[in-house]
Amino acid sequence: MGKGDKKTAKGKRNLGSHGNSRPKKKPAANTSSTKENKPS
């Protein structure tokens, strides 16, 4: 189990792949308040 093992997180990091042991990060939810309705 090392860099060549594609079932481990270290191996997935080396190969540049994702899966159960190295999930992809989901994009952060947009929490900015730039499009809020401003009272006039």
PDB file of N, CA and C in Angstrom:
ATOM      1  N   MET A   1       0.847  -1.182   0.000  1.00  0.00           N
ATOM      2  CA  MET A   1       0.000   0.000   0.000  1.00  0.00           C
ATOM      3  C   MET A   1       0.891   1.242   0.000  1.00  0.00           C
ATOM      4  N   GLY A   2       1.020   1.829  -1.154  1.00  0.00           N
ATOM      5  CA  GLY A   2       1.847   3.023  -1.250  1.00  0.00           C
ATOM      6  C   GLY A   2       1.390   3.900  -2.386  1.00  0.00           C
ATOM      7  N   LYS A   3       2.367   4.505  -3.041  1.00  0.00           N
ATOM      8  CA  LYS A   3       2.032   5.448  -4.107  1.00  0.00           C
ATOM      9  C   LYS A   3       1.363   4.783  -5.297  1.00  0.00           C
ATOM     10  N   GLY A   4       1.636   3.522  -5.543  1.00  0.00           N
ATOM     11  CA  GLY A   4       1.060   2.853  -6.705  1.00  0.00           C
ATOM     12  C   GLY A   4      -0.297   2.231  -6.448  1.00  0.00           C
ATOM     13  N   ASP A   5      -0.727   2.217  -5.180  1.00  0.00           N
ATOM     14  CA  ASP A   5      -1.986   1.560  -4.819  1.00  0.00           C
ATOM     15  C   ASP A   5      -3.143   2.534  -4.996  1.00  0.00           C
ATOM     16  N   LYS A   6      -3.969   2.311  -6.015  1.00  0.00           N
ATOM     17  CA  LYS A   6      -5.043   3.271  -6.307  1.00  0.00           C
ATOM     18  C   LYS A   6      -6.244   3.129  -5.393  1.00  0.00           C
ATOM     19  N   LYS A   7      -6.166   2.247  -4.388  1.00  0.00           N
ATOM     20  CA  LYS A   7      -7.264   2.125  -3.421  1.00  0.00           C
ATOM     21  C   LYS A   7      -7.000   2.947  -2.160  1.00  0.00           C
ATOM     22  N   THR A   8      -5.808   3.521  -2.035  1.00  0.00           N
ATOM     23  CA  THR A   8      -5.498   4.326  -0.857  1.00  0.00           C
ATOM     24  C   THR A   8      -5.484   5.802  -1.226  1.00  0.00           C
ATOM     25  N   ALA A   9      -5.640   6.647  -0.223  1.00  0.00           N
ATOM     26  CA  ALA A   9      -5.653   8.093  -0.466  1.00  0.00           C
ATOM     27  C   ALA A   9      -4.312   8.552  -1.018  1.00  0.00           C
ATOM     28  N   LYS A  10      -3.215   7.967  -0.537  1.00  0.00           N
ATOM     29  CA  LYS A  10      -1.894   8.353  -1.030  1.00  0.00           C
ATOM     30  C   LYS A  10      -1.728   7.981  -2.494  1.00  0.00           C
ATOM     31  N   GLY A  11      -2.220   6.810  -2.860  1.00  0.00           N
ATOM     32  CA  GLY A  11      -2.141   6.389  -4.256  1.00  0.00           C
ATOM     33  C   GLY A  11      -3.021   7.240  -5.153  1.00  0.00           C
ATOM     34  N   LYS A  12      -4.202   7.589  -4.673  1.00  0.00           N
ATOM     35  CA  LYS A  12      -5.097   8.439  -5.463  1.00  0.00           C
ATOM     36  C   LYS A  12      -4.509   9.835  -5.627  1.00  0.00           C
ATOM     37  N   ARG A  13      -3.834  10.319  -4.581  1.00  0.00           N
ATOM     38  CA  ARG A  13      -3.165  11.613  -4.670  1.00  0.00           C
ATOM     39  C   ARG A  13      -2.075  11.559  -5.738  1.00  0.00           C
ATOM     40  N   ASN A  14      -1.324  10.464  -5.773  1.00  0.00           N
ATOM     41  CA  ASN A  14      -0.247  10.295  -6.739  1.00  0.00           C
ATOM     42  C   ASN A  14      -0.794  10.191  -8.155  1.00  0.00           C
ATOM     43  N   LEU A  15      -1.911   9.461  -8.323  1.00  0.00           N
ATOM     44  CA  LEU A  15      -2.497   9.281  -9.647  1.00  0.00           C
ATOM     45  C   LEU A  15      -3.368  10.457 -10.057  1.00  0.00           C
ATOM     46  N   GLY A  16      -3.770  11.277  -9.105  1.00  0.00           N
ATOM     47  CA  GLY A  16      -4.638  12.409  -9.400  1.00  0.00           C
ATOM     48  C   GLY A  16      -6.075  12.007  -9.619  1.00  0.00           C
ATOM     49  N   SER A  17      -6.514  10.938  -8.936  1.00  0.00           N
ATOM     50  CA  SER A  17      -7.898  10.482  -9.091  1.00  0.00           C
ATOM     51  C   SER A  17      -8.646  10.684  -7.781  1.00  0.00           C
ATOM     52  N   HIS A  18      -9.949  10.476  -7.832  1.00  0.00           N
ATOM     53  CA  HIS A  18     -10.799  10.649  -6.654  1.00  0.00           C
ATOM     54  C   HIS A  18     -11.673   9.420  -6.492  1.00  0.00           C
ATOM     55  N   GLY A  19     -12.175   9.223  -5.253  1.00  0.00           N
ATOM     56  CA  GLY A  19     -13.032   8.083  -4.973  1.00  0.00           C
ATOM     57  C   GLY A  19     -13.448   8.087  -3.518  1.00  0.00           C
ATOM     58  N   ASN A  20     -13.751   6.904  -2.983  1.00  0.00           N
ATOM     59  CA  ASN A  20     -14.220   6.812  -1.595  1.00  0.00           C
ATOM     60  C   ASN A  20     -13.149   7.239  -0.603  1.00  0.00           C
ATOM     61  N   SER A  21     -11.907   6.852  -0.837  1.00  0.00           N
ATOM     62  CA  SER A  21     -10.859   7.199   0.113  1.00  0.00           C
ATOM     63  C   SER A  21     -10.326   8.604  -0.113  1.00  0.00           C
ATOM     64  N   ARG A  22     -10.659   9.204  -1.265  1.00  0.00           N
ATOM     65  CA  ARG A  22     -10.250  10.589  -1.546  1.00  0.00           C
ATOM     66  C   ARG A  22     -11.357  11.285  -2.328  1.00  0.00           C
ATOM     67  N   PRO A  23     -12.408  11.727  -1.610  1.00  0.00           N
ATOM     68  CA  PRO A  23     -13.541  12.350  -2.297  1.00  0.00           C
ATOM     69  C   PRO A  23     -13.187  13.729  -2.818  1.00  0.00           C
ATOM     70  N   LYS A  24     -13.887  14.139  -3.863  1.00  0.00           N
ATOM     71  CA  LYS A  24     -13.712  15.492  -4.397  1.00  0.00           C
ATOM     72  C   LYS A  24     -14.390  16.473  -3.464  1.00  0.00           C
ATOM     73  N   LYS A  25     -13.782  17.638  -3.310  1.00  0.00           N
ATOM     74  CA  LYS A  25     -14.398  18.683  -2.488  1.00  0.00           C
ATOM     75  C   LYS A  25     -15.532  19.300  -3.278  1.00  0.00           C
ATOM     76  N   LYS A  26     -16.683  19.445  -2.635  1.00  0.00           N
ATOM     77  CA  LYS A  26     -17.815  20.090  -3.276  1.00  0.00           C
ATOM     78  C   LYS A  26     -17.571  21.593  -3.261  1.00  0.00           C
ATOM     79  N   PRO A  27     -17.996  22.306  -4.295  1.00  0.00           N
ATOM     80  CA  PRO A  27     -17.822  23.764  -4.279  1.00  0.00           C
ATOM     81  C   PRO A  27     -18.611  24.395  -3.138  1.00  0.00           C
ATOM     82  N   ALA A  28     -18.031  25.396  -2.511  1.00  0.00           N
ATOM     83  CA  ALA A  28     -18.660  26.024  -1.348  1.00  0.00           C
ATOM     84  C   ALA A  28     -19.953  26.701  -1.755  1.00  0.00           C
ATOM     85  N   ALA A  29     -20.946  26.610  -0.894  1.00  0.00           N
ATOM     86  CA  ALA A  29     -22.237  27.247  -1.154  1.00  0.00           C
ATOM     87  C   ALA A  29     -22.053  28.755  -1.131  1.00  0.00           C
ATOM     88  N   ASN A  30     -22.708  29.429  -2.052  1.00  0.00           N
ATOM     89  CA  ASN A  30     -22.579  30.880  -2.148  1.00  0.00           C
ATOM     90  C   ASN A  30     -23.305  31.540  -0.978  1.00  0.00           C
ATOM     91  N   THR A  31     -22.534  32.158  -0.082  1.00  0.00           N
ATOM     92  CA  THR A  31     -23.131  32.787   1.096  1.00  0.00           C
ATOM     93  C   THR A  31     -22.995  34.301   1.045  1.00  0.00           C
ATOM     94  N   SER A  32     -22.520  34.845  -0.074  1.00  0.00           N
ATOM     95  CA  SER A  32     -22.358  36.291  -0.151  1.00  0.00           C
ATOM     96  C   SER A  32     -23.716  36.972  -0.278  1.00  0.00           C
ATOM     97  N   SER A  33     -23.784  38.200   0.201  1.00  0.00           N
ATOM     98  CA  SER A  33     -25.049  38.927   0.198  1.00  0.00           C
ATOM     99  C   SER A  33     -25.012  40.059  -0.824  1.00  0.00           C
ATOM    100  N   THR A  34     -24.437  39.815  -1.986  1.00  0.00           N
ATOM    101  CA  THR A  34     -24.318  40.875  -2.984  1.00  0.00           C
ATOM    102  C   THR A  34     -25.605  41.066  -3.767  1.00  0.00           C
ATOM    103  N   LYS A  35     -26.435  40.041  -3.871  1.00  0.00           N
ATOM    104  CA  LYS A  35     -27.648  40.130  -4.673  1.00  0.00           C
ATOM    105  C   LYS A  35     -28.901  40.327  -3.817  1.00  0.00           C
ATOM    106  N   GLU A  36     -28.730  40.796  -2.579  1.00  0.00           N
ATOM    107  CA  GLU A  36     -29.888  41.019  -1.720  1.00  0.00           C
ATOM    108  C   GLU A  36     -30.658  42.241  -2.196  1.00  0.00           C
ATOM    109  N   ASN A  37     -31.974  42.218  -2.029  1.00  0.00           N
ATOM    110  CA  ASN A  37     -32.795  43.371  -2.394  1.00  0.00           C
ATOM    111  C   ASN A  37     -32.595  44.470  -1.363  1.00  0.00           C
ATOM    112  N   LYS A  38     -32.193  45.641  -1.860  1.00  0.00           N
ATOM    113  CA  LYS A  38     -31.979  46.761  -0.956  1.00  0.00           C
ATOM    114  C   LYS A  38     -33.212  47.660  -0.985  1.00  0.00           C
ATOM    115  N   PRO A  39     -33.760  48.009   0.170  1.00  0.00           N
ATOM    116  CA  PRO A  39     -34.934  48.903   0.174  1.00  0.00           C
ATOM    117  C   PRO A  39     -34.543  50.286  -0.325  1.00  0.00           C
ATOM    118  N   SER A  40     -35.395  50.868  -1.144  1.00  0.00           N
ATOM    119  CA  SER A  40     -35.069  52.188  -1.708  1.00  0.00           C
ATOM    120  C   SER A  40     -35.891  53.304  -1.079  1.00  0.00           C
TER     121      SER A  40
END
